[in-house]
Amino acid sequence: MDKEERVELAKLLFPNVSKTRDDYEKMYPKRKLNKDAMVTRYGPSPTGSVHLGNLFSAFCDMVYARQSEGSFYLRIEDTDQKRAVEGGIDNITSVLKGFQILPTEGYHFEGEYGPYQQSKRTEIYQTYVKELIENNLAYPCFMTEEELNQIKEEQTIIKTKIGIYGVYAVDRDLSLEEIKQKLANHEEYVIRLKSPGNANKQIEIVDCIKGKLKFKEHDMDTVLLKKDGTPTYHLAHVIDDHLMQTTHVIRGDEWVSSLPLHIQLFEVLGFIPPKYAHIAPLTIKDQETGTIRKLSKRKDPWAGAKFYEEQGIPIDALHLYLATIANTNFEEWYLNHSDKKISDFTFTFEKQAVGGTSFDEDKLTNLCKTYFSHKNGEEVYKETLAYTKKFDPQYYELLLSNKDVMVAFLNIEKDGPRPRKDISKYSDVKEEFSYAIDELFEKENYSKYDGDKEYDVRLVLEYLNDLNLDHSNEEWFQGIKEFAVQKGYAPSPKEYKKSPDKYKGHVGDICEAIRVMLTGRTKSPDLFSIMKILGIEKIKNRVALYQKVVAK
């Protein structure tokens, strides 16, 4: 087929496409950014819920674009309409906003390079495919599903690679008249790439994370447009990355095998390809088999983005964790610069893991505890209030009516050199400080105390008769030690260990008795601080409650 015939064929296949490549190149002018600025994109498909791997990829897009004063945009890649789920796009945007991974432009965020939804860009893709047909780089393929299956069966039997290429590309060289006849017969067709590749040749691609990669040239006549005229992902993302001027494609390494095709598409379309950075998958040790596998939404609650929101894991703490995954040197830097923000750190592809990155639940929990330890009571209260308003409305109401008391409890042991680390998520506040609010404490009825020790209520009540809550912590402890000695208890555990037969116990036993009666547990923040917040009347009320519920 000569050039004139190919132009005629292109018009025949795309009668409604009136624009040209030049029209779109003008519509998407060069970005006004510094030469080192990165333009990154998060391109989710609305085919399911957002998982931690998606968040990590978007997080990397954000930090690299931000630190280079570039642009990070959101593009909805919904070419696979059959798998799209209802509300999928809204879920994507709400998760990004909820986790403060905020694009500078894109779907729902506006911008000059839209529409940022592939299903609304079909004519753009068809324009470029029309040109490929004119240049003998694409063709209509009328093969039926039955014919394709027969080819696949034959290839499987003779153990050759599966696909349409070489002798299997039977419609590659149809004449214009043959194509016209098939169209007249209303035969369905797709548009395939007429691949110029040779599988006997090798290409080398430099990945920003994995380094030099070698592949066989792509030689498959891959589908570019489906039967309904909509594009495949492979075609759509190449054209969009060009027009939106993406400089770096940061994506999961499951796409590494597609690199030869994508690079070839950039070449046949006459585009300069972006740089690729393929992220190692998040892995976890399977508790049943002991093997290392990819994090799974089906098996691992930590994999789903909803889990973090529902549990009340702080967004800033999750960002810290994602940063430790993104660069292997971030954690050490953060430990030495805990007063700094993530944006003060310089991320580099060289410090990203090449192999699998193990998901570390303990590390995330510790980062969360560190996050809370740096917050004062007022800040923790406000953030917990926002969380409970959505996920625990009953506790929300209790927090509203007990603000001063809760802030006071949350401030215990916050101003010392080693601030308390007992909270790792907002949902912990209710659990850890249930004794702070009378309604919750009385409802528990000491159910959190799982010991079998019976404490001496009369001893505690006697101690309370002379309790002075205006003392300092040091004065209070000195006073309780003196009381302990008067009642036959050692002034310290060390003294008790020296001569256990000489004492009934030690001062810590009396403190433990008071702690259990006031909080319903053997461990809590500083006891005297709790006593000062409660006040003498509530203290006596709780001792009476203990006597009623627990003591025999």
Protein backbone atom coordinates (compact mmCIF):
# COMPACT_ATOMS: atom_id res chain seq x y z
CA MET A 1 0.00 0.00 0.00
CA ASP A 2 1.51 3.30 -1.06
CA LYS A 3 1.36 6.61 0.82
CA GLU A 4 -1.71 7.87 -1.04
CA GLU A 5 -3.61 4.68 -0.23
CA ARG A 6 -2.60 4.81 3.40
CA VAL A 7 -3.88 8.40 3.67
CA GLU A 8 -7.16 7.27 2.13
CA LEU A 9 -7.34 4.36 4.59
CA ALA A 10 -6.70 6.66 7.54
CA LYS A 11 -9.58 8.93 6.47
CA LEU A 12 -11.80 5.89 5.97
CA LEU A 13 -11.07 4.56 9.47
CA PHE A 14 -11.25 7.94 11.21
CA PRO A 15 -13.80 10.06 9.32
CA ASN A 16 -14.58 12.21 12.37
CA VAL A 17 -10.99 13.01 13.34
CA SER A 18 -10.35 16.51 12.06
CA LYS A 19 -7.41 17.67 14.20
CA THR A 20 -3.76 16.88 13.54
CA ARG A 21 -0.70 16.21 15.67
CA ASP A 22 0.30 19.87 15.32
CA ASP A 23 -3.03 21.00 16.73
CA TYR A 24 -2.47 19.05 19.94
CA GLU A 25 1.17 20.03 20.22
CA LYS A 26 0.00 23.66 20.24
CA MET A 27 -2.75 22.92 22.77
CA TYR A 28 -0.16 21.57 25.22
CA PRO A 29 2.67 24.13 25.20
CA LYS A 30 6.00 23.64 26.90
CA ARG A 31 5.83 23.97 30.68
CA LYS A 32 7.43 27.02 32.22
CA LEU A 33 9.63 25.19 34.71
CA ASN A 34 13.31 25.06 35.58
CA LYS A 35 15.34 22.59 33.52
CA ASP A 36 15.83 20.29 36.51
CA ALA A 37 12.16 20.34 37.55
CA MET A 38 10.47 16.96 37.57
CA VAL A 39 6.98 16.44 36.21
CA THR A 40 5.51 13.29 37.72
CA ARG A 41 2.11 11.71 37.54
CA TYR A 42 0.02 9.32 39.55
CA GLY A 43 -2.11 7.37 37.07
CA PRO A 44 -4.51 5.11 38.99
CA SER A 45 -7.19 2.98 37.40
CA PRO A 46 -10.61 3.17 39.13
CA THR A 47 -10.93 -0.61 39.24
CA GLY A 48 -10.67 -1.20 42.99
CA SER A 49 -9.76 0.24 46.36
CA VAL A 50 -6.53 2.17 46.93
CA HIS A 51 -3.80 0.15 48.65
CA LEU A 52 -0.55 1.03 50.40
CA GLY A 53 1.50 0.39 47.25
CA ASN A 54 -0.59 2.99 45.40
CA LEU A 55 -0.08 5.51 48.21
CA PHE A 56 3.66 4.85 48.19
CA SER A 57 3.90 5.41 44.45
CA ALA A 58 1.91 8.65 44.70
CA PHE A 59 4.01 9.74 47.68
CA CYS A 60 7.19 9.31 45.61
CA ASP A 61 5.61 11.28 42.76
CA MET A 62 4.83 14.07 45.20
CA VAL A 63 8.18 14.36 46.98
CA TYR A 64 10.31 14.28 43.82
CA ALA A 65 8.17 16.89 42.07
CA ARG A 66 8.00 19.08 45.17
CA GLN A 67 11.72 19.12 45.94
CA SER A 68 12.57 19.96 42.31
CA GLU A 69 9.90 22.70 42.13
CA GLY A 70 8.16 20.75 39.40
CA SER A 71 4.61 19.47 39.02
CA PHE A 72 2.86 16.35 40.30
CA TYR A 73 -0.43 15.63 38.56
CA LEU A 74 -3.26 13.12 38.90
CA ARG A 75 -4.41 11.37 35.73
CA ILE A 76 -7.30 8.91 35.84
CA GLU A 77 -6.43 5.99 33.56
CA ASP A 78 -9.86 4.53 32.92
CA THR A 79 -9.42 2.96 29.49
CA ASP A 80 -10.57 -0.39 30.94
CA GLN A 81 -14.22 0.53 31.44
CA LYS A 82 -15.28 -3.10 31.96
CA ARG A 83 -13.31 -3.34 35.23
CA ALA A 84 -14.19 0.13 36.53
CA VAL A 85 -16.07 0.12 39.84
CA GLU A 86 -18.78 2.55 40.88
CA GLY A 87 -17.35 5.40 42.92
CA GLY A 88 -13.80 4.33 42.04
CA ILE A 89 -12.66 7.78 40.90
CA ASP A 90 -14.18 9.57 43.90
CA ASN A 91 -12.46 7.06 46.15
CA ILE A 92 -9.08 7.85 44.57
CA THR A 93 -9.43 11.62 45.02
CA SER A 94 -10.80 11.34 48.57
CA VAL A 95 -7.96 9.02 49.62
CA LEU A 96 -5.32 11.35 48.19
CA LYS A 97 -6.87 14.31 50.00
CA GLY A 98 -7.34 12.33 53.19
CA PHE A 99 -3.70 11.25 53.21
CA GLN A 100 -2.49 14.71 52.15
CA ILE A 101 -0.77 13.42 49.04
CA LEU A 102 -1.86 16.40 47.04
CA PRO A 103 -1.21 16.84 43.31
CA THR A 104 -0.41 20.32 42.09
CA GLU A 105 -2.71 19.73 39.11
CA GLY A 106 -4.83 17.04 37.54
CA TYR A 107 -8.23 15.44 37.81
CA HIS A 108 -10.23 17.27 40.52
CA PHE A 109 -7.25 19.60 41.04
CA GLU A 110 -7.55 21.56 37.76
CA GLY A 111 -4.66 22.48 35.48
CA GLU A 112 -3.76 23.46 31.91
CA TYR A 113 -2.95 20.01 30.48
CA GLY A 114 -6.31 18.27 30.78
CA PRO A 115 -8.64 16.64 30.47
CA TYR A 116 -6.89 14.48 33.07
CA GLN A 117 -9.16 11.49 32.42
CA GLN A 118 -8.25 9.15 29.60
CA SER A 119 -11.84 8.23 28.71
CA LYS A 120 -12.31 11.88 27.72
CA ARG A 121 -9.26 11.97 25.45
CA THR A 122 -10.24 9.33 22.86
CA GLU A 123 -10.10 11.71 19.90
CA ILE A 124 -6.55 12.69 20.83
CA TYR A 125 -5.39 9.07 20.72
CA GLN A 126 -7.21 8.44 17.45
CA THR A 127 -5.51 11.47 15.89
CA TYR A 128 -2.07 10.02 16.54
CA VAL A 129 -3.10 6.52 15.43
CA LYS A 130 -4.49 8.00 12.23
CA GLU A 131 -1.03 9.42 11.57
CA LEU A 132 0.61 6.05 12.34
CA ILE A 133 -1.58 4.44 9.67
CA GLU A 134 -0.57 7.12 7.18
CA ASN A 135 3.09 6.36 8.00
CA ASN A 136 2.68 2.58 7.66
CA LEU A 137 3.21 2.04 11.43
CA ALA A 138 -0.28 0.73 12.26
CA TYR A 139 -3.00 -1.27 10.54
CA PRO A 140 -6.56 -2.57 11.06
CA CYS A 141 -6.69 -6.21 12.16
CA PHE A 142 -9.91 -8.16 11.53
CA MET A 143 -8.93 -11.40 13.25
CA THR A 144 -11.75 -12.96 15.27
CA GLU A 145 -11.46 -14.26 18.81
CA GLU A 146 -11.62 -17.78 17.41
CA GLU A 147 -8.69 -17.12 15.08
CA LEU A 148 -6.66 -15.53 17.87
CA ASN A 149 -7.32 -18.53 20.13
CA GLN A 150 -6.26 -20.95 17.40
CA ILE A 151 -2.98 -19.06 16.98
CA LYS A 152 -2.41 -19.10 20.72
CA GLU A 153 -3.05 -22.87 20.87
CA GLU A 154 -0.61 -23.48 18.01
CA GLN A 155 2.05 -21.29 19.64
CA THR A 156 1.57 -23.14 22.92
CA ILE A 157 1.96 -26.54 21.25
CA ILE A 158 5.18 -25.61 19.41
CA LYS A 159 6.42 -23.70 22.49
CA THR A 160 7.03 -20.38 20.82
CA LYS A 161 6.18 -16.98 22.25
CA ILE A 162 2.53 -16.05 22.40
CA GLY A 163 1.27 -13.10 20.39
CA ILE A 164 0.67 -11.57 16.98
CA TYR A 165 3.93 -11.10 15.09
CA GLY A 166 5.67 -12.28 11.94
CA VAL A 167 3.67 -14.97 10.11
CA TYR A 168 0.90 -14.73 12.71
CA ALA A 169 0.18 -11.10 11.80
CA VAL A 170 -2.03 -12.19 8.90
CA ASP A 171 -3.73 -8.82 8.35
CA ARG A 172 -0.52 -6.81 8.34
CA ASP A 173 -0.30 -6.46 4.58
CA LEU A 174 -3.93 -6.39 3.50
CA SER A 175 -4.54 -4.25 0.45
CA LEU A 176 -6.78 -1.20 0.56
CA GLU A 177 -9.40 -3.05 -1.46
CA GLU A 178 -9.35 -6.04 0.92
CA ILE A 179 -9.80 -3.73 3.87
CA LYS A 180 -12.66 -1.88 2.16
CA GLN A 181 -14.39 -5.19 1.50
CA LYS A 182 -14.09 -6.26 5.14
CA LEU A 183 -15.46 -2.91 6.26
CA ALA A 184 -18.33 -3.26 3.84
CA ASN A 185 -19.04 -6.66 5.41
CA HIS A 186 -19.17 -4.93 8.85
CA GLU A 187 -16.32 -7.05 10.16
CA GLU A 188 -15.06 -5.84 13.52
CA TYR A 189 -11.45 -4.77 13.86
CA VAL A 190 -8.81 -3.40 16.16
CA ILE A 191 -5.90 -1.18 15.25
CA ARG A 192 -2.52 -2.82 15.80
CA LEU A 193 0.97 -1.41 15.89
CA LYS A 194 3.02 -2.49 12.88
CA SER A 195 6.05 -3.14 15.03
CA PRO A 196 9.41 -2.27 13.43
CA GLY A 197 11.21 -4.31 16.11
CA ASN A 198 13.49 -7.31 15.71
CA ALA A 199 13.57 -9.77 18.60
CA ASN A 200 17.07 -10.83 17.59
CA LYS A 201 18.33 -7.39 18.58
CA GLN A 202 18.83 -6.04 22.07
CA ILE A 203 18.08 -2.62 23.50
CA GLU A 204 19.46 -1.07 26.68
CA ILE A 205 17.32 1.11 28.92
CA VAL A 206 18.60 2.95 31.99
CA ASP A 207 16.15 2.81 34.86
CA CYS A 208 16.59 5.52 37.51
CA ILE A 209 16.36 2.93 40.30
CA LYS A 210 17.40 -0.38 38.77
CA GLY A 211 20.19 0.95 36.54
CA LYS A 212 20.99 -0.52 33.12
CA LEU A 213 18.44 -3.03 31.83
CA LYS A 214 18.75 -5.09 28.65
CA PHE A 215 15.80 -6.41 26.65
CA LYS A 216 15.02 -7.98 23.32
CA GLU A 217 13.48 -5.47 20.94
CA HIS A 218 9.71 -5.47 20.97
CA ASP A 219 8.38 -7.15 17.82
CA MET A 220 4.72 -7.75 18.67
CA ASP A 221 1.90 -6.09 16.73
CA THR A 222 0.29 -4.86 19.93
CA VAL A 223 -3.29 -3.58 19.95
CA LEU A 224 -3.41 0.23 20.05
CA LEU A 225 -7.14 0.85 19.66
CA LYS A 226 -9.83 -1.60 20.72
CA LYS A 227 -12.88 -2.49 18.65
CA ASP A 228 -14.86 0.42 20.10
CA GLY A 229 -12.12 2.88 19.14
CA THR A 230 -10.87 3.41 22.69
CA PRO A 231 -7.15 3.05 23.39
CA THR A 232 -5.24 0.44 25.29
CA TYR A 233 -3.30 1.61 28.34
CA HIS A 234 -0.01 1.22 26.46
CA LEU A 235 -0.94 3.75 23.78
CA ALA A 236 -2.84 6.15 26.00
CA HIS A 237 -0.16 6.63 28.63
CA VAL A 238 2.57 7.22 26.03
CA ILE A 239 0.61 9.97 24.27
CA ASP A 240 -0.49 11.53 27.56
CA ASP A 241 2.99 11.48 29.08
CA HIS A 242 4.23 13.28 25.97
CA LEU A 243 1.52 15.93 25.82
CA MET A 244 1.51 16.49 29.58
CA GLN A 245 5.33 16.56 29.45
CA THR A 246 6.00 13.97 32.11
CA THR A 247 9.73 13.86 32.85
CA HIS A 248 9.77 10.86 35.20
CA VAL A 249 7.44 7.87 35.28
CA ILE A 250 7.58 6.37 38.78
CA ARG A 251 5.68 3.10 38.89
CA GLY A 252 5.70 -0.45 40.24
CA ASP A 253 8.26 -2.84 38.83
CA GLU A 254 5.53 -5.13 37.49
CA TRP A 255 5.72 -2.77 34.49
CA VAL A 256 9.41 -3.42 33.78
CA SER A 257 8.57 -6.11 31.21
CA SER A 258 6.49 -3.55 29.26
CA LEU A 259 9.42 -1.15 28.84
CA PRO A 260 10.46 -2.37 25.35
CA LEU A 261 6.92 -1.81 24.05
CA HIS A 262 6.58 1.60 25.69
CA ILE A 263 9.96 2.81 24.45
CA GLN A 264 9.08 1.59 20.94
CA LEU A 265 5.77 3.47 21.04
CA PHE A 266 7.57 6.67 21.99
CA GLU A 267 9.92 6.13 19.04
CA VAL A 268 7.29 5.37 16.39
CA LEU A 269 5.25 8.36 17.56
CA GLY A 270 8.32 10.58 17.34
CA PHE A 271 8.36 11.44 21.08
CA ILE A 272 11.26 11.74 23.48
CA PRO A 273 10.59 9.18 26.23
CA PRO A 274 10.59 10.22 29.89
CA LYS A 275 12.90 8.66 32.43
CA TYR A 276 11.54 5.56 34.14
CA ALA A 277 11.92 4.65 37.80
CA HIS A 278 10.50 1.27 38.76
CA ILE A 279 9.71 0.89 42.46
CA ALA A 280 10.38 -2.36 44.29
CA PRO A 281 7.20 -4.04 45.57
CA LEU A 282 6.22 -3.93 49.23
CA THR A 283 6.68 -7.38 50.70
CA ILE A 284 5.79 -9.13 53.94
CA LYS A 285 6.68 -12.40 55.62
CA ASP A 286 3.75 -14.79 55.39
CA GLN A 287 2.87 -15.99 58.89
CA GLU A 288 1.58 -19.33 57.62
CA THR A 289 4.31 -20.34 55.18
CA GLY A 290 7.25 -18.26 56.41
CA THR A 291 7.92 -17.14 52.82
CA ILE A 292 8.31 -13.57 51.60
CA ARG A 293 5.46 -12.39 49.38
CA LYS A 294 3.98 -9.16 48.09
CA LEU A 295 1.70 -7.24 50.43
CA SER A 296 -1.87 -8.36 49.72
CA LYS A 297 -5.12 -6.43 50.17
CA ARG A 298 -6.90 -9.75 50.63
CA LYS A 299 -4.58 -11.15 53.30
CA ASP A 300 -3.05 -8.13 55.02
CA PRO A 301 -5.18 -5.45 56.70
CA TRP A 302 -2.20 -3.09 56.55
CA ALA A 303 -2.34 -3.17 52.73
CA GLY A 304 -5.59 -1.23 52.31
CA ALA A 305 -5.60 2.56 52.56
CA LYS A 306 -8.92 2.49 54.45
CA PHE A 307 -7.24 0.62 57.30
CA TYR A 308 -5.04 3.59 58.18
CA GLU A 309 -7.94 6.01 58.20
CA GLU A 310 -10.22 3.74 60.25
CA GLN A 311 -7.52 2.95 62.81
CA GLY A 312 -6.58 6.60 63.15
CA ILE A 313 -2.95 6.33 62.16
CA PRO A 314 -1.60 9.89 61.85
CA ILE A 315 -1.05 11.01 58.28
CA ASP A 316 2.26 12.67 59.14
CA ALA A 317 3.49 9.45 60.77
CA LEU A 318 2.47 7.42 57.72
CA HIS A 319 4.36 9.92 55.54
CA LEU A 320 7.42 9.35 57.73
CA TYR A 321 7.09 5.62 57.20
CA LEU A 322 6.69 6.00 53.43
CA ALA A 323 9.80 8.18 53.45
CA THR A 324 11.81 5.41 55.16
CA ILE A 325 10.70 3.07 52.36
CA ALA A 326 11.45 5.62 49.65
CA ASN A 327 15.08 6.20 50.68
CA THR A 328 17.20 3.86 52.76
CA ASN A 329 19.05 6.77 54.40
CA PHE A 330 15.94 8.69 55.48
CA GLU A 331 15.46 6.95 58.84
CA GLU A 332 18.96 7.75 60.07
CA TRP A 333 18.59 11.33 58.88
CA TYR A 334 15.27 11.70 60.69
CA LEU A 335 16.62 10.30 63.96
CA ASN A 336 19.32 12.96 63.84
CA HIS A 337 16.96 15.73 62.69
CA SER A 338 13.68 15.03 64.46
CA ASP A 339 12.92 18.76 64.45
CA LYS A 340 12.95 18.79 60.64
CA LYS A 341 10.17 18.09 58.13
CA ILE A 342 10.15 15.49 55.37
CA SER A 343 10.38 18.35 52.87
CA ASP A 344 13.80 19.24 54.34
CA PHE A 345 15.20 15.89 53.20
CA THR A 346 16.55 15.40 49.67
CA PHE A 347 15.28 12.18 48.08
CA THR A 348 17.34 10.44 45.42
CA PHE A 349 16.59 7.45 43.20
CA GLU A 350 20.02 6.03 44.05
CA LYS A 351 18.85 5.44 47.64
CA GLN A 352 15.67 3.58 46.68
CA ALA A 353 15.61 -0.18 47.19
CA VAL A 354 16.17 -2.23 44.03
CA GLY A 355 14.65 -5.46 45.39
CA GLY A 356 11.54 -5.96 47.51
CA THR A 357 10.94 -3.61 50.43
CA SER A 358 9.73 -5.40 53.54
CA PHE A 359 6.68 -3.92 55.26
CA ASP A 360 7.60 -3.41 58.91
CA GLU A 361 4.56 -3.07 61.15
CA ASP A 362 6.72 -2.49 64.24
CA LYS A 363 8.63 0.34 62.56
CA LEU A 364 5.41 2.05 61.55
CA THR A 365 4.06 1.70 65.10
CA ASN A 366 7.24 3.15 66.58
CA LEU A 367 7.18 6.08 64.17
CA CYS A 368 3.58 6.74 65.18
CA LYS A 369 4.49 6.67 68.87
CA THR A 370 7.34 9.08 68.22
CA TYR A 371 4.93 11.35 66.35
CA PHE A 372 2.51 11.44 69.29
CA SER A 373 5.32 11.94 71.79
CA HIS A 374 6.16 15.23 70.07
CA LYS A 375 2.57 16.50 70.32
CA ASN A 376 1.18 18.34 73.34
CA GLY A 377 -2.12 17.38 74.94
CA GLU A 378 -4.11 20.08 73.16
CA GLU A 379 -2.88 18.91 69.74
CA VAL A 380 -3.58 15.24 70.45
CA TYR A 381 -7.02 16.16 71.78
CA LYS A 382 -7.98 18.16 68.67
CA GLU A 383 -6.73 15.49 66.25
CA THR A 384 -8.48 12.72 68.21
CA LEU A 385 -11.65 14.78 68.26
CA ALA A 386 -11.61 15.01 64.45
CA TYR A 387 -11.03 11.26 64.17
CA THR A 388 -13.77 10.26 66.63
CA LYS A 389 -16.32 12.58 65.04
CA LYS A 390 -16.22 10.28 62.00
CA PHE A 391 -15.44 6.89 63.52
CA ASP A 392 -16.64 6.95 67.15
CA PRO A 393 -19.42 9.54 67.62
CA GLN A 394 -20.25 8.43 71.17
CA TYR A 395 -16.68 8.93 72.35
CA TYR A 396 -16.61 12.18 70.41
CA GLU A 397 -19.45 13.51 72.57
CA LEU A 398 -17.61 12.46 75.73
CA LEU A 399 -14.45 14.21 74.52
CA LEU A 400 -16.40 17.40 73.82
CA SER A 401 -17.83 17.51 77.34
CA ASN A 402 -14.55 16.58 79.05
CA LYS A 403 -12.04 18.69 77.14
CA ASP A 404 -10.05 20.16 80.04
CA VAL A 405 -9.71 16.82 81.81
CA MET A 406 -8.64 15.01 78.61
CA VAL A 407 -6.08 17.66 77.67
CA ALA A 408 -4.63 17.44 81.17
CA PHE A 409 -4.32 13.66 81.00
CA LEU A 410 -2.83 13.78 77.50
CA ASN A 411 -0.24 16.27 78.73
CA ILE A 412 1.14 13.97 81.45
CA GLU A 413 4.87 13.29 80.97
CA LYS A 414 5.06 15.42 77.85
CA ASP A 415 7.59 18.04 78.94
CA GLY A 416 10.48 15.83 80.02
CA PRO A 417 13.53 14.65 78.07
CA ARG A 418 11.80 11.31 77.34
CA PRO A 419 8.14 12.05 76.55
CA ARG A 420 5.63 9.26 76.99
CA LYS A 421 5.11 6.87 74.04
CA ASP A 422 1.93 4.95 74.76
CA ILE A 423 -0.19 6.05 71.79
CA SER A 424 0.37 4.88 68.23
CA LYS A 425 -3.00 5.84 66.70
CA TYR A 426 -6.04 7.96 67.51
CA SER A 427 -8.09 4.90 68.34
CA ASP A 428 -5.59 4.19 71.17
CA VAL A 429 -6.65 7.30 73.08
CA LYS A 430 -9.95 5.81 74.17
CA GLU A 431 -8.23 2.59 75.21
CA GLU A 432 -5.23 4.11 76.94
CA PHE A 433 -7.12 6.90 78.71
CA SER A 434 -10.49 5.30 79.37
CA TYR A 435 -9.96 6.06 83.08
CA ALA A 436 -9.81 9.79 82.34
CA ILE A 437 -13.58 10.10 81.91
CA ASP A 438 -15.84 8.91 84.74
CA GLU A 439 -18.55 7.51 82.45
CA LEU A 440 -16.09 5.21 80.67
CA PHE A 441 -14.26 4.23 83.82
CA GLU A 442 -17.42 3.23 85.65
CA LYS A 443 -18.65 1.33 82.61
CA GLU A 444 -15.45 -0.72 82.52
CA ASN A 445 -15.85 -1.84 86.15
CA TYR A 446 -12.15 -2.72 86.33
CA SER A 447 -12.50 -5.14 83.42
CA LYS A 448 -9.06 -4.09 82.16
CA TYR A 449 -7.45 -5.27 85.37
CA ASP A 450 -6.57 -8.90 84.72
CA GLY A 451 -4.53 -9.58 87.86
CA ASP A 452 -5.56 -11.76 90.77
CA LYS A 453 -4.03 -9.62 93.50
CA GLU A 454 -6.41 -8.18 96.08
CA TYR A 455 -5.35 -4.77 97.34
CA ASP A 456 -5.84 -3.40 100.84
CA VAL A 457 -8.58 -0.76 100.56
CA ARG A 458 -8.27 0.26 104.25
CA LEU A 459 -4.55 0.95 103.80
CA VAL A 460 -5.22 3.16 100.78
CA LEU A 461 -8.04 5.02 102.51
CA GLU A 462 -5.79 5.64 105.51
CA TYR A 463 -3.13 7.05 103.21
CA LEU A 464 -5.68 9.31 101.52
CA ASN A 465 -6.65 10.92 104.83
CA ASP A 466 -3.42 12.92 104.84
CA LEU A 467 -2.93 13.26 101.07
CA ASN A 468 -1.77 16.71 99.96
CA LEU A 469 -2.22 17.26 96.22
CA ASP A 470 -0.51 20.67 96.36
CA HIS A 471 2.90 19.03 96.78
CA SER A 472 5.44 18.59 94.02
CA ASN A 473 5.94 15.12 92.59
CA GLU A 474 9.14 14.72 94.62
CA GLU A 475 7.45 15.82 97.85
CA TRP A 476 4.56 13.47 97.23
CA PHE A 477 6.79 10.47 96.66
CA GLN A 478 8.82 11.25 99.76
CA GLY A 479 5.59 11.38 101.74
CA ILE A 480 4.29 8.05 100.46
CA LYS A 481 7.63 6.43 101.25
CA GLU A 482 7.37 7.67 104.83
CA PHE A 483 3.83 6.32 105.04
CA ALA A 484 5.02 2.98 103.67
CA VAL A 485 7.73 2.68 106.33
CA GLN A 486 5.20 3.52 109.08
CA LYS A 487 3.02 0.65 107.90
CA GLY A 488 5.82 -1.91 107.71
CA TYR A 489 6.69 -1.57 104.02
CA ALA A 490 10.18 -1.07 102.63
CA PRO A 491 10.91 2.43 101.22
CA SER A 492 12.12 0.89 97.94
CA PRO A 493 12.06 -2.42 96.02
CA LYS A 494 15.82 -2.67 96.52
CA GLU A 495 15.47 -2.59 100.31
CA TYR A 496 12.68 -5.15 100.14
CA LYS A 497 14.82 -7.57 98.11
CA LYS A 498 17.57 -7.39 100.74
CA SER A 499 15.25 -8.46 103.59
CA PRO A 500 11.87 -9.66 102.28
CA ASP A 501 10.96 -11.30 105.59
CA LYS A 502 11.36 -7.98 107.35
CA TYR A 503 8.62 -6.15 105.39
CA LYS A 504 5.02 -6.60 104.25
CA GLY A 505 6.10 -5.35 100.83
CA HIS A 506 7.55 -2.12 99.46
CA VAL A 507 6.35 1.36 98.57
CA GLY A 508 5.75 0.26 94.96
CA ASP A 509 3.07 -2.13 96.16
CA ILE A 510 1.14 0.73 97.75
CA CYS A 511 1.53 2.82 94.60
CA GLU A 512 0.31 -0.14 92.53
CA ALA A 513 -2.75 -0.51 94.75
CA ILE A 514 -3.62 3.17 94.28
CA ARG A 515 -2.94 2.96 90.53
CA VAL A 516 -5.25 -0.04 90.07
CA MET A 517 -8.01 1.57 92.11
CA LEU A 518 -7.79 4.85 90.17
CA THR A 519 -7.18 3.55 86.64
CA GLY A 520 -8.17 -0.11 86.64
CA ARG A 521 -4.73 -1.18 85.43
CA THR A 522 -1.24 -1.80 86.76
CA LYS A 523 0.49 0.47 84.25
CA SER A 524 -0.30 4.09 83.55
CA PRO A 525 1.40 7.48 83.15
CA ASP A 526 2.75 9.23 86.25
CA LEU A 527 0.50 8.32 89.20
CA PHE A 528 0.69 11.59 91.12
CA SER A 529 -0.21 13.55 87.96
CA ILE A 530 -3.31 11.38 87.59
CA MET A 531 -4.21 11.98 91.23
CA LYS A 532 -3.86 15.75 90.88
CA ILE A 533 -6.15 15.79 87.83
CA LEU A 534 -8.80 13.61 89.48
CA GLY A 535 -8.82 15.44 92.80
CA ILE A 536 -9.46 13.97 96.24
CA GLU A 537 -13.21 13.43 95.88
CA LYS A 538 -12.95 11.45 92.64
CA ILE A 539 -10.03 9.51 94.08
CA LYS A 540 -12.15 8.42 97.06
CA ASN A 541 -15.10 7.63 94.79
CA ARG A 542 -12.93 5.31 92.71
CA VAL A 543 -11.52 3.58 95.75
CA ALA A 544 -15.10 2.99 96.89
CA LEU A 545 -15.98 1.66 93.43
CA TYR A 546 -13.02 -0.70 93.56
CA GLN A 547 -14.15 -1.94 96.96
CA LYS A 548 -17.64 -2.57 95.62
CA VAL A 549 -16.65 -4.24 92.34
CA VAL A 550 -13.34 -6.03 93.00
CA ALA A 551 -12.57 -6.37 96.70
CA LYS A 552 -14.22 -9.28 98.50
